[in-house]
Amino acid sequence: MNGALSNRTKGMLCLIASAFGFAAMGMFVRLADDLGGSISCFQKGFFRNAVAVVIAAVLFARDLKGRASGRSQHLDSQFSRTPHLPTSSPSHLPTSSPSHLPTLFLLVLRSILGTAGIFLNFYAISHIPLADAMMLNKLAPFFTVAFSWVFLGERLRLAQGACLAGALLGAACVVKPGFAAVSVFPALCGFAGGICAGGAYACVHALGRRRVDPRSIVLFFSAFSCLASVPFMVADFAPMTTAQIWTLVGAGATAAMGQFGVTAAYRFAEPRSIAAWDYTNILFAALFGLLLFGQVPDALSVIGFVAIVVSALMLRKA
C-alpha cells in the first residue's frame, strides 16, 4: 500500500503548522506590549511582514538559481494571465477556474485584503478584549469557504457547513466573547478583518489552483504590506526598546511560518475540506497562555477544544 500522504492530509498539516505560527505571532505581539511603550498597529504590522520579506526573498532567490539552471519552470509563468494547470487535474481540485481574473490581479487583491485584515485585527486587539478579537478573527475560515463557494464555484455540502458551524461554536466556547461590553466600531473592525482574511485566503486558494509558487505569493504580499505600513508608521512612530525589537522580529518570523503554511495548505486542498483545522490556532494560543502566563483553561474551554477537534475530524469525511 502506498504510504504517501494525500493532498488533503498535506493541506491539513500545513494549516496546523500555520495555526501554530500565527498563535506564536500573537504571543510575541502581546509580549511586546509589556516590554516598553505603546506601539501602533501599523508599526506592528510593518515588523510582522518585514521579516517575512527577508525570508521569502532568500527562498525566492534560491529558486531563481534553480530556474536558471533548468531545474524548474520560468519565472514569467508565475504571473501569466492564464492558469497553467496540468492536463490531468488532481481529484481534489475542481476543473473550473476563474480564468477571467489575471493572476497578477489575484496577487494584488490577496495583498490588499490581507493587509487590511492585519490592520483591522490589530486595531480590534488594541480596543476590545483579546478574546473578542480572536473570536472575530476566527470567522476567517468561514468566509474563505463562503468566498470560494461564491466566486470559485466550489460546492458546499450541508454536512461540511455543519462541521464548520460546530468548529465555530467550539471556538466561541474557548474564547467566550462578551460582546455586550464592547463598543460598536472596534467590534465592526474586527468583524471586517475576519472578512478580509477570508477573502485573502480564497485568493490564495485560487492562486494555488494556478500552481503559483507559494514563495511568490508570500513575497508579494509581505512586500506590499510593508510598503503600505510605512506612511502610517512614519506618521505615528513610537521608539522601541531592544526587547521590543527582538520580540517583534520573533513575531515576524512566526508570522512568516503562518503565511507559508496557509499558502501551502490552500494550494494542496480546497478550503472547505481543511478550513476547520485553522481553529487549532486557539488550542496553541491556550497552550502558550498556560505555559507562559499561567492561564488555565476552564471547563467551557475544554468543551470548546473537543468540539473543534471533533468538527475538524468530521469535516475530513464530510
C-alpha atoms as a PDB file:
ATOM      1  CA  MET A   1       0.000   0.000   0.000  1.00  0.00           C
ATOM      2  CA  ASN A   2       1.369   3.420  -0.916  1.00  0.00           C
ATOM      3  CA  GLY A   3       2.306   5.355   2.216  1.00  0.00           C
ATOM      4  CA  ALA A   4       2.373   8.764   0.501  1.00  0.00           C
ATOM      5  CA  LEU A   5       0.253  11.463   2.095  1.00  0.00           C
ATOM      6  CA  SER A   6      -2.839  12.644   0.243  1.00  0.00           C
ATOM      7  CA  ASN A   7      -3.093  16.281  -0.829  1.00  0.00           C
ATOM      8  CA  ARG A   8      -5.828  16.846   1.738  1.00  0.00           C
ATOM      9  CA  THR A   9      -3.597  15.498   4.530  1.00  0.00           C
ATOM     10  CA  LYS A  10      -0.736  17.683   3.348  1.00  0.00           C
ATOM     11  CA  GLY A  11      -3.057  20.686   3.373  1.00  0.00           C
ATOM     12  CA  MET A  12      -4.252  19.796   6.874  1.00  0.00           C
ATOM     13  CA  LEU A  13      -0.693  19.520   8.228  1.00  0.00           C
ATOM     14  CA  CYS A  14       0.320  22.789   6.576  1.00  0.00           C
ATOM     15  CA  LEU A  15      -2.694  24.562   8.060  1.00  0.00           C
ATOM     16  CA  ILE A  16      -1.899  23.221  11.554  1.00  0.00           C
ATOM     17  CA  ALA A  17       1.682  24.484  11.174  1.00  0.00           C
ATOM     18  CA  SER A  18       0.260  27.817  10.046  1.00  0.00           C
ATOM     19  CA  ALA A  19      -2.042  27.945  13.075  1.00  0.00           C
ATOM     20  CA  PHE A  20       0.925  27.332  15.368  1.00  0.00           C
ATOM     21  CA  GLY A  21       2.911  30.099  13.667  1.00  0.00           C
ATOM     22  CA  PHE A  22       0.128  32.655  13.961  1.00  0.00           C
ATOM     23  CA  ALA A  23      -0.520  31.708  17.609  1.00  0.00           C
ATOM     24  CA  ALA A  24       3.171  32.254  18.349  1.00  0.00           C
ATOM     25  CA  MET A  25       2.991  35.551  16.474  1.00  0.00           C
ATOM     26  CA  GLY A  26       0.126  36.662  18.704  1.00  0.00           C
ATOM     27  CA  MET A  27       2.131  35.659  21.765  1.00  0.00           C
ATOM     28  CA  PHE A  28       5.082  37.803  20.655  1.00  0.00           C
ATOM     29  CA  VAL A  29       2.834  40.760  19.840  1.00  0.00           C
ATOM     30  CA  ARG A  30       1.307  40.577  23.311  1.00  0.00           C
ATOM     31  CA  LEU A  31       4.758  40.349  24.912  1.00  0.00           C
ATOM     32  CA  ALA A  32       5.887  43.448  23.013  1.00  0.00           C
ATOM     33  CA  ASP A  33       3.170  45.485  24.735  1.00  0.00           C
ATOM     34  CA  ASP A  34       4.618  44.502  28.120  1.00  0.00           C
ATOM     35  CA  LEU A  35       8.243  45.323  27.276  1.00  0.00           C
ATOM     36  CA  GLY A  36       8.005  49.044  26.513  1.00  0.00           C
ATOM     37  CA  GLY A  37       5.717  51.837  25.397  1.00  0.00           C
ATOM     38  CA  SER A  38       2.607  51.591  23.247  1.00  0.00           C
ATOM     39  CA  ILE A  39       3.158  50.653  19.588  1.00  0.00           C
ATOM     40  CA  SER A  40       0.650  51.344  16.813  1.00  0.00           C
ATOM     41  CA  CYS A  41      -0.957  48.551  14.815  1.00  0.00           C
ATOM     42  CA  PHE A  42       0.791  49.879  11.689  1.00  0.00           C
ATOM     43  CA  GLN A  43       4.222  49.669  13.316  1.00  0.00           C
ATOM     44  CA  LYS A  44       3.485  46.128  14.481  1.00  0.00           C
ATOM     45  CA  GLY A  45       2.174  45.289  11.023  1.00  0.00           C
ATOM     46  CA  PHE A  46       5.419  46.502   9.434  1.00  0.00           C
ATOM     47  CA  PHE A  47       7.573  44.252  11.609  1.00  0.00           C
ATOM     48  CA  ARG A  48       5.128  41.395  11.133  1.00  0.00           C
ATOM     49  CA  ASN A  49       5.847  41.376   7.412  1.00  0.00           C
ATOM     50  CA  ALA A  50       9.401  42.778   7.191  1.00  0.00           C
ATOM     51  CA  VAL A  51      10.918  39.533   8.432  1.00  0.00           C
ATOM     52  CA  ALA A  52       8.695  37.551   6.062  1.00  0.00           C
ATOM     53  CA  VAL A  53      10.004  39.669   3.162  1.00  0.00           C
ATOM     54  CA  VAL A  54      13.598  38.733   4.003  1.00  0.00           C
ATOM     55  CA  ILE A  55      12.803  35.023   4.416  1.00  0.00           C
ATOM     56  CA  ALA A  56      10.697  34.860   1.256  1.00  0.00           C
ATOM     57  CA  ALA A  57      13.298  36.828  -0.723  1.00  0.00           C
ATOM     58  CA  VAL A  58      16.069  34.406   0.285  1.00  0.00           C
ATOM     59  CA  LEU A  59      13.960  31.392  -0.687  1.00  0.00           C
ATOM     60  CA  PHE A  60      12.876  33.073  -3.910  1.00  0.00           C
ATOM     61  CA  ALA A  61      16.487  33.907  -4.828  1.00  0.00           C
ATOM     62  CA  ARG A  62      17.486  30.280  -4.305  1.00  0.00           C
ATOM     63  CA  ASP A  63      14.606  29.227  -6.536  1.00  0.00           C
ATOM     64  CA  LEU A  64      15.739  31.636  -9.244  1.00  0.00           C
ATOM     65  CA  LYS A  65      19.123  29.907  -9.314  1.00  0.00           C
ATOM     66  CA  GLY A  66      17.351  26.591  -9.801  1.00  0.00           C
ATOM     67  CA  ARG A  67      15.304  28.027 -12.651  1.00  0.00           C
ATOM     68  CA  ALA A  68      18.404  29.474 -14.284  1.00  0.00           C
ATOM     69  CA  SER A  69      19.955  26.011 -14.304  1.00  0.00           C
ATOM     70  CA  GLY A  70      16.809  24.479 -15.799  1.00  0.00           C
ATOM     71  CA  ARG A  71      15.512  22.693 -12.686  1.00  0.00           C
ATOM     72  CA  SER A  72      12.140  24.486 -12.579  1.00  0.00           C
ATOM     73  CA  GLN A  73       9.762  26.489 -14.708  1.00  0.00           C
ATOM     74  CA  HIS A  74      10.416  30.037 -15.898  1.00  0.00           C
ATOM     75  CA  LEU A  75       9.611  32.966 -13.627  1.00  0.00           C
ATOM     76  CA  ASP A  76       7.220  34.640 -16.043  1.00  0.00           C
ATOM     77  CA  SER A  77       4.869  31.649 -15.892  1.00  0.00           C
ATOM     78  CA  GLN A  78       4.102  32.579 -12.295  1.00  0.00           C
ATOM     79  CA  PHE A  79       2.491  35.855 -13.339  1.00  0.00           C
ATOM     80  CA  SER A  80       0.871  34.972 -16.678  1.00  0.00           C
ATOM     81  CA  ARG A  81      -2.733  35.767 -17.373  1.00  0.00           C
ATOM     82  CA  THR A  82      -3.841  32.202 -17.942  1.00  0.00           C
ATOM     83  CA  PRO A  83      -3.614  29.367 -15.423  1.00  0.00           C
ATOM     84  CA  HIS A  84      -1.001  26.660 -16.011  1.00  0.00           C
ATOM     85  CA  LEU A  85      -2.883  23.584 -14.837  1.00  0.00           C
ATOM     86  CA  PRO A  86      -1.778  20.075 -15.687  1.00  0.00           C
ATOM     87  CA  THR A  87      -3.768  18.194 -18.286  1.00  0.00           C
ATOM     88  CA  SER A  88      -4.955  15.829 -15.599  1.00  0.00           C
ATOM     89  CA  SER A  89      -6.006  17.797 -12.516  1.00  0.00           C
ATOM     90  CA  PRO A  90      -5.874  16.178  -9.055  1.00  0.00           C
ATOM     91  CA  SER A  91      -9.221  14.890  -7.898  1.00  0.00           C
ATOM     92  CA  HIS A  92      -9.464  17.358  -5.038  1.00  0.00           C
ATOM     93  CA  LEU A  93      -9.379  20.354  -7.389  1.00  0.00           C
ATOM     94  CA  PRO A  94     -12.407  21.452  -9.437  1.00  0.00           C
ATOM     95  CA  THR A  95     -11.867  21.576 -13.171  1.00  0.00           C
ATOM     96  CA  SER A  96     -13.354  25.059 -13.345  1.00  0.00           C
ATOM     97  CA  SER A  97     -11.141  28.078 -12.631  1.00  0.00           C
ATOM     98  CA  PRO A  98     -11.712  31.854 -12.503  1.00  0.00           C
ATOM     99  CA  SER A  99      -9.642  32.230 -15.681  1.00  0.00           C
ATOM    100  CA  HIS A 100     -11.143  35.650 -16.384  1.00  0.00           C
ATOM    101  CA  LEU A 101      -9.156  37.061 -13.453  1.00  0.00           C
ATOM    102  CA  PRO A 102      -5.462  37.722 -14.225  1.00  0.00           C
ATOM    103  CA  THR A 103      -3.004  36.127 -11.813  1.00  0.00           C
ATOM    104  CA  LEU A 104      -1.438  39.497 -11.018  1.00  0.00           C
ATOM    105  CA  PHE A 105      -4.897  40.829 -10.119  1.00  0.00           C
ATOM    106  CA  LEU A 106      -5.389  37.944  -7.670  1.00  0.00           C
ATOM    107  CA  LEU A 107      -1.971  38.625  -6.122  1.00  0.00           C
ATOM    108  CA  VAL A 108      -2.810  42.303  -5.647  1.00  0.00           C
ATOM    109  CA  LEU A 109      -6.283  41.533  -4.298  1.00  0.00           C
ATOM    110  CA  ARG A 110      -4.847  38.963  -1.869  1.00  0.00           C
ATOM    111  CA  SER A 111      -2.327  41.573  -0.684  1.00  0.00           C
ATOM    112  CA  ILE A 112      -4.895  44.355  -0.253  1.00  0.00           C
ATOM    113  CA  LEU A 113      -7.312  42.142   1.660  1.00  0.00           C
ATOM    114  CA  GLY A 114      -4.563  40.561   3.756  1.00  0.00           C
ATOM    115  CA  THR A 115      -3.040  43.922   4.690  1.00  0.00           C
ATOM    116  CA  ALA A 116      -6.423  45.391   5.571  1.00  0.00           C
ATOM    117  CA  GLY A 117      -7.159  42.291   7.662  1.00  0.00           C
ATOM    118  CA  ILE A 118      -3.916  42.760   9.622  1.00  0.00           C
ATOM    119  CA  PHE A 119      -4.571  46.423  10.379  1.00  0.00           C
ATOM    120  CA  LEU A 120      -8.204  45.820  11.318  1.00  0.00           C
ATOM    121  CA  ASN A 121      -7.360  42.854  13.531  1.00  0.00           C
ATOM    122  CA  PHE A 122      -4.555  44.727  15.319  1.00  0.00           C
ATOM    123  CA  TYR A 123      -6.869  47.703  15.831  1.00  0.00           C
ATOM    124  CA  ALA A 124      -9.531  45.428  17.312  1.00  0.00           C
ATOM    125  CA  ILE A 125      -6.996  43.798  19.649  1.00  0.00           C
ATOM    126  CA  SER A 126      -5.968  47.262  20.874  1.00  0.00           C
ATOM    127  CA  HIS A 127      -9.516  48.430  21.622  1.00  0.00           C
ATOM    128  CA  ILE A 128     -11.585  45.401  22.651  1.00  0.00           C
ATOM    129  CA  PRO A 129     -10.817  42.366  24.829  1.00  0.00           C
ATOM    130  CA  LEU A 130      -8.416  39.930  23.194  1.00  0.00           C
ATOM    131  CA  ALA A 131     -10.977  37.124  23.452  1.00  0.00           C
ATOM    132  CA  ASP A 132     -13.457  39.131  21.405  1.00  0.00           C
ATOM    133  CA  ALA A 133     -10.832  39.977  18.770  1.00  0.00           C
ATOM    134  CA  MET A 134      -9.826  36.310  18.497  1.00  0.00           C
ATOM    135  CA  MET A 135     -13.432  35.262  18.043  1.00  0.00           C
ATOM    136  CA  LEU A 136     -13.954  37.771  15.267  1.00  0.00           C
ATOM    137  CA  ASN A 137     -10.705  36.756  13.564  1.00  0.00           C
ATOM    138  CA  LYS A 138     -11.715  33.079  13.683  1.00  0.00           C
ATOM    139  CA  LEU A 139     -14.563  33.931  11.316  1.00  0.00           C
ATOM    140  CA  ALA A 140     -11.933  33.975   8.538  1.00  0.00           C
ATOM    141  CA  PRO A 141     -12.152  30.236   7.618  1.00  0.00           C
ATOM    142  CA  PHE A 142     -15.930  30.525   7.241  1.00  0.00           C
ATOM    143  CA  PHE A 143     -15.551  33.470   4.880  1.00  0.00           C
ATOM    144  CA  THR A 144     -12.818  31.593   2.998  1.00  0.00           C
ATOM    145  CA  VAL A 145     -15.278  28.787   2.304  1.00  0.00           C
ATOM    146  CA  ALA A 146     -18.034  31.284   1.514  1.00  0.00           C
ATOM    147  CA  PHE A 147     -15.885  33.251  -0.958  1.00  0.00           C
ATOM    148  CA  SER A 148     -14.653  30.026  -2.571  1.00  0.00           C
ATOM    149  CA  TRP A 149     -18.273  28.929  -2.949  1.00  0.00           C
ATOM    150  CA  VAL A 150     -19.486  32.236  -4.392  1.00  0.00           C
ATOM    151  CA  PHE A 151     -16.526  33.234  -6.585  1.00  0.00           C
ATOM    152  CA  LEU A 152     -14.740  29.948  -7.344  1.00  0.00           C
ATOM    153  CA  GLY A 153     -17.832  27.805  -7.816  1.00  0.00           C
ATOM    154  CA  GLU A 154     -16.866  25.217  -5.188  1.00  0.00           C
ATOM    155  CA  ARG A 155     -19.879  23.445  -3.762  1.00  0.00           C
ATOM    156  CA  LEU A 156     -20.506  23.455  -0.030  1.00  0.00           C
ATOM    157  CA  ARG A 157     -22.393  20.394   1.188  1.00  0.00           C
ATOM    158  CA  LEU A 158     -24.703  20.592   4.186  1.00  0.00           C
ATOM    159  CA  ALA A 159     -22.523  18.231   6.247  1.00  0.00           C
ATOM    160  CA  GLN A 160     -19.451  20.374   5.597  1.00  0.00           C
ATOM    161  CA  GLY A 161     -21.304  23.528   6.593  1.00  0.00           C
ATOM    162  CA  ALA A 162     -22.471  21.837   9.787  1.00  0.00           C
ATOM    163  CA  CYS A 163     -18.888  20.848  10.653  1.00  0.00           C
ATOM    164  CA  LEU A 164     -17.681  24.394  10.177  1.00  0.00           C
ATOM    165  CA  ALA A 165     -20.537  25.656  12.330  1.00  0.00           C
ATOM    166  CA  GLY A 166     -19.543  23.173  15.034  1.00  0.00           C
ATOM    167  CA  ALA A 167     -15.941  24.394  14.919  1.00  0.00           C
ATOM    168  CA  LEU A 168     -17.129  27.997  15.185  1.00  0.00           C
ATOM    169  CA  LEU A 169     -19.284  27.158  18.204  1.00  0.00           C
ATOM    170  CA  GLY A 170     -16.308  25.383  19.757  1.00  0.00           C
ATOM    171  CA  ALA A 171     -14.200  28.489  19.199  1.00  0.00           C
ATOM    172  CA  ALA A 172     -16.896  30.556  20.909  1.00  0.00           C
ATOM    173  CA  CYS A 173     -16.718  28.241  23.923  1.00  0.00           C
ATOM    174  CA  VAL A 174     -12.966  28.694  24.106  1.00  0.00           C
ATOM    175  CA  VAL A 175     -12.758  32.469  23.802  1.00  0.00           C
ATOM    176  CA  LYS A 176     -16.129  33.225  25.475  1.00  0.00           C
ATOM    177  CA  PRO A 177     -16.651  36.619  23.833  1.00  0.00           C
ATOM    178  CA  GLY A 178     -18.536  39.268  25.795  1.00  0.00           C
ATOM    179  CA  PHE A 179     -19.933  41.347  23.026  1.00  0.00           C
ATOM    180  CA  ALA A 180     -22.228  43.262  25.372  1.00  0.00           C
ATOM    181  CA  ALA A 181     -19.233  45.097  26.836  1.00  0.00           C
ATOM    182  CA  VAL A 182     -17.547  46.261  23.645  1.00  0.00           C
ATOM    183  CA  SER A 183     -18.032  49.404  21.590  1.00  0.00           C
ATOM    184  CA  VAL A 184     -19.537  49.040  18.165  1.00  0.00           C
ATOM    185  CA  PHE A 185     -16.795  50.458  15.927  1.00  0.00           C
ATOM    186  CA  PRO A 186     -13.845  48.305  17.114  1.00  0.00           C
ATOM    187  CA  ALA A 187     -16.062  45.219  17.008  1.00  0.00           C
ATOM    188  CA  LEU A 188     -17.081  46.038  13.438  1.00  0.00           C
ATOM    189  CA  CYS A 189     -13.384  46.487  12.571  1.00  0.00           C
ATOM    190  CA  GLY A 190     -12.644  43.019  13.967  1.00  0.00           C
ATOM    191  CA  PHE A 191     -15.548  41.566  12.005  1.00  0.00           C
ATOM    192  CA  ALA A 192     -14.364  43.289   8.828  1.00  0.00           C
ATOM    193  CA  GLY A 193     -10.871  41.961   9.496  1.00  0.00           C
ATOM    194  CA  GLY A 194     -12.242  38.424   9.539  1.00  0.00           C
ATOM    195  CA  ILE A 195     -13.995  39.025   6.223  1.00  0.00           C
ATOM    196  CA  CYS A 196     -10.806  40.439   4.665  1.00  0.00           C
ATOM    197  CA  ALA A 197      -8.740  37.496   5.881  1.00  0.00           C
ATOM    198  CA  GLY A 198     -11.268  35.044   4.484  1.00  0.00           C
ATOM    199  CA  GLY A 199     -11.226  36.785   1.118  1.00  0.00           C
ATOM    200  CA  ALA A 200      -7.418  36.800   1.116  1.00  0.00           C
ATOM    201  CA  TYR A 201      -7.273  33.050   1.785  1.00  0.00           C
ATOM    202  CA  ALA A 202      -9.760  32.429  -1.037  1.00  0.00           C
ATOM    203  CA  CYS A 203      -7.396  34.313  -3.347  1.00  0.00           C
ATOM    204  CA  VAL A 204      -4.531  32.147  -2.082  1.00  0.00           C
ATOM    205  CA  HIS A 205      -6.550  29.055  -2.955  1.00  0.00           C
ATOM    206  CA  ALA A 206      -7.291  30.392  -6.451  1.00  0.00           C
ATOM    207  CA  LEU A 207      -3.590  31.126  -6.953  1.00  0.00           C
ATOM    208  CA  GLY A 208      -2.731  27.643  -5.754  1.00  0.00           C
ATOM    209  CA  ARG A 209      -5.028  26.163  -8.390  1.00  0.00           C
ATOM    210  CA  ARG A 210      -2.922  28.023 -10.938  1.00  0.00           C
ATOM    211  CA  ARG A 211       0.242  26.467  -9.487  1.00  0.00           C
ATOM    212  CA  VAL A 212       1.678  29.840  -8.425  1.00  0.00           C
ATOM    213  CA  ASP A 213       4.729  29.262  -6.219  1.00  0.00           C
ATOM    214  CA  PRO A 214       3.883  29.882  -2.509  1.00  0.00           C
ATOM    215  CA  ARG A 215       7.140  31.832  -2.141  1.00  0.00           C
ATOM    216  CA  SER A 216       5.967  34.225  -4.847  1.00  0.00           C
ATOM    217  CA  ILE A 217       2.662  34.763  -3.045  1.00  0.00           C
ATOM    218  CA  VAL A 218       4.255  35.335   0.373  1.00  0.00           C
ATOM    219  CA  LEU A 219       6.973  37.624  -1.020  1.00  0.00           C
ATOM    220  CA  PHE A 220       4.480  39.727  -2.993  1.00  0.00           C
ATOM    221  CA  PHE A 221       2.080  40.043  -0.051  1.00  0.00           C
ATOM    222  CA  SER A 222       4.766  40.754   2.559  1.00  0.00           C
ATOM    223  CA  ALA A 223       6.450  43.425   0.426  1.00  0.00           C
ATOM    224  CA  PHE A 224       3.071  45.019  -0.360  1.00  0.00           C
ATOM    225  CA  SER A 225       2.075  45.046   3.316  1.00  0.00           C
ATOM    226  CA  CYS A 226       5.405  46.543   4.415  1.00  0.00           C
ATOM    227  CA  LEU A 227       5.143  49.361   1.882  1.00  0.00           C
ATOM    228  CA  ALA A 228       1.533  50.023   2.855  1.00  0.00           C
ATOM    229  CA  SER A 229       2.544  50.242   6.530  1.00  0.00           C
ATOM    230  CA  VAL A 230       5.356  52.772   6.050  1.00  0.00           C
ATOM    231  CA  PRO A 231       3.339  56.037   5.670  1.00  0.00           C
ATOM    232  CA  PHE A 232       1.173  55.254   8.718  1.00  0.00           C
ATOM    233  CA  MET A 233       4.152  54.086  10.778  1.00  0.00           C
ATOM    234  CA  VAL A 234       6.183  57.213   9.973  1.00  0.00           C
ATOM    235  CA  ALA A 235       3.253  59.445  10.919  1.00  0.00           C
ATOM    236  CA  ASP A 236       2.879  57.755  14.320  1.00  0.00           C
ATOM    237  CA  PHE A 237       6.266  56.179  15.064  1.00  0.00           C
ATOM    238  CA  ALA A 238       6.998  55.136  18.657  1.00  0.00           C
ATOM    239  CA  PRO A 239      10.573  54.462  19.867  1.00  0.00           C
ATOM    240  CA  MET A 240      11.083  50.827  20.868  1.00  0.00           C
ATOM    241  CA  THR A 241      13.235  49.102  23.438  1.00  0.00           C
ATOM    242  CA  THR A 242      15.720  46.445  22.367  1.00  0.00           C
ATOM    243  CA  ALA A 243      13.463  43.794  23.907  1.00  0.00           C
ATOM    244  CA  GLN A 244      10.504  45.054  21.879  1.00  0.00           C
ATOM    245  CA  ILE A 245      12.519  44.986  18.655  1.00  0.00           C
ATOM    246  CA  TRP A 246      13.605  41.374  19.149  1.00  0.00           C
ATOM    247  CA  THR A 247      10.107  40.376  20.218  1.00  0.00           C
ATOM    248  CA  LEU A 248       8.629  41.862  17.061  1.00  0.00           C
ATOM    249  CA  VAL A 249      11.339  40.137  14.997  1.00  0.00           C
ATOM    250  CA  GLY A 250      10.101  36.910  16.590  1.00  0.00           C
ATOM    251  CA  ALA A 251       6.551  37.922  15.668  1.00  0.00           C
ATOM    252  CA  GLY A 252       7.662  38.450  12.079  1.00  0.00           C
ATOM    253  CA  ALA A 253       9.434  35.099  11.892  1.00  0.00           C
ATOM    254  CA  THR A 254       6.461  33.154  13.245  1.00  0.00           C
ATOM    255  CA  ALA A 255       4.112  35.166  11.018  1.00  0.00           C
ATOM    256  CA  ALA A 256       6.216  34.051   8.056  1.00  0.00           C
ATOM    257  CA  MET A 257       5.737  30.468   9.213  1.00  0.00           C
ATOM    258  CA  GLY A 258       1.995  31.093   9.360  1.00  0.00           C
ATOM    259  CA  GLN A 259       1.923  32.696   5.914  1.00  0.00           C
ATOM    260  CA  PHE A 260       3.893  29.940   4.240  1.00  0.00           C
ATOM    261  CA  GLY A 261       1.766  27.333   5.986  1.00  0.00           C
ATOM    262  CA  VAL A 262      -1.603  28.740   4.974  1.00  0.00           C
ATOM    263  CA  THR A 263      -0.385  29.451   1.427  1.00  0.00           C
ATOM    264  CA  ALA A 264       0.776  25.864   1.015  1.00  0.00           C
ATOM    265  CA  ALA A 265      -2.343  24.470   2.713  1.00  0.00           C
ATOM    266  CA  TYR A 266      -4.825  26.070   0.310  1.00  0.00           C
ATOM    267  CA  ARG A 267      -2.562  25.146  -2.592  1.00  0.00           C
ATOM    268  CA  PHE A 268      -2.922  21.473  -1.671  1.00  0.00           C
ATOM    269  CA  ALA A 269      -6.625  21.322  -0.762  1.00  0.00           C
ATOM    270  CA  GLU A 270      -9.971  23.065  -1.045  1.00  0.00           C
ATOM    271  CA  PRO A 271     -10.806  25.398   1.869  1.00  0.00           C
ATOM    272  CA  ARG A 272     -13.998  23.524   2.788  1.00  0.00           C
ATOM    273  CA  SER A 273     -12.071  20.284   3.326  1.00  0.00           C
ATOM    274  CA  ILE A 274      -9.435  21.641   5.726  1.00  0.00           C
ATOM    275  CA  ALA A 275     -10.622  25.063   6.988  1.00  0.00           C
ATOM    276  CA  ALA A 276     -11.699  23.769  10.412  1.00  0.00           C
ATOM    277  CA  TRP A 277      -8.076  22.909  11.233  1.00  0.00           C
ATOM    278  CA  ASP A 278      -7.348  26.637  11.347  1.00  0.00           C
ATOM    279  CA  TYR A 279      -9.160  26.600  14.692  1.00  0.00           C
ATOM    280  CA  THR A 280      -6.214  24.732  16.219  1.00  0.00           C
ATOM    281  CA  ASN A 281      -4.781  28.234  16.483  1.00  0.00           C
ATOM    282  CA  ILE A 282      -6.920  28.590  19.603  1.00  0.00           C
ATOM    283  CA  LEU A 283      -5.507  25.390  21.075  1.00  0.00           C
ATOM    284  CA  PHE A 284      -1.949  26.619  20.567  1.00  0.00           C
ATOM    285  CA  ALA A 285      -2.836  30.034  21.984  1.00  0.00           C
ATOM    286  CA  ALA A 286      -4.291  28.369  25.084  1.00  0.00           C
ATOM    287  CA  LEU A 287      -1.116  26.294  25.459  1.00  0.00           C
ATOM    288  CA  PHE A 288       1.075  29.411  25.254  1.00  0.00           C
ATOM    289  CA  GLY A 289      -1.168  31.081  27.825  1.00  0.00           C
ATOM    290  CA  LEU A 290      -0.807  28.117  30.202  1.00  0.00           C
ATOM    291  CA  LEU A 291       2.977  27.783  29.865  1.00  0.00           C
ATOM    292  CA  LEU A 292       3.928  31.470  29.763  1.00  0.00           C
ATOM    293  CA  PHE A 293       1.183  33.313  31.618  1.00  0.00           C
ATOM    294  CA  GLY A 294      -0.258  30.641  33.928  1.00  0.00           C
ATOM    295  CA  GLN A 295      -3.689  30.788  32.286  1.00  0.00           C
ATOM    296  CA  VAL A 296      -5.522  27.504  32.983  1.00  0.00           C
ATOM    297  CA  PRO A 297      -8.389  26.654  30.579  1.00  0.00           C
ATOM    298  CA  ASP A 298     -11.755  26.312  32.314  1.00  0.00           C
ATOM    299  CA  ALA A 299     -14.361  23.623  31.694  1.00  0.00           C
ATOM    300  CA  LEU A 300     -16.066  25.583  28.919  1.00  0.00           C
ATOM    301  CA  SER A 301     -12.732  25.990  27.132  1.00  0.00           C
ATOM    302  CA  VAL A 302     -12.099  22.242  27.320  1.00  0.00           C
ATOM    303  CA  ILE A 303     -15.536  21.627  25.786  1.00  0.00           C
ATOM    304  CA  GLY A 304     -14.587  24.042  23.012  1.00  0.00           C
ATOM    305  CA  PHE A 305     -11.298  22.207  22.393  1.00  0.00           C
ATOM    306  CA  VAL A 306     -13.170  18.922  21.989  1.00  0.00           C
ATOM    307  CA  ALA A 307     -15.752  20.486  19.668  1.00  0.00           C
ATOM    308  CA  ILE A 308     -13.039  21.955  17.446  1.00  0.00           C
ATOM    309  CA  VAL A 309     -11.099  18.693  17.128  1.00  0.00           C
ATOM    310  CA  VAL A 310     -14.224  16.603  16.527  1.00  0.00           C
ATOM    311  CA  SER A 311     -15.533  19.070  13.923  1.00  0.00           C
ATOM    312  CA  ALA A 312     -12.202  19.080  12.119  1.00  0.00           C
ATOM    313  CA  LEU A 313     -12.060  15.271  12.034  1.00  0.00           C
ATOM    314  CA  MET A 314     -15.667  15.031  10.826  1.00  0.00           C
ATOM    315  CA  LEU A 315     -15.019  17.620   8.113  1.00  0.00           C
ATOM    316  CA  ARG A 316     -12.398  15.332   6.578  1.00  0.00           C
ATOM    317  CA  LYS A 317     -15.120  12.732   5.983  1.00  0.00           C
ATOM    318  CA  ALA A 318     -17.917  15.130   5.055  1.00  0.00           C
END
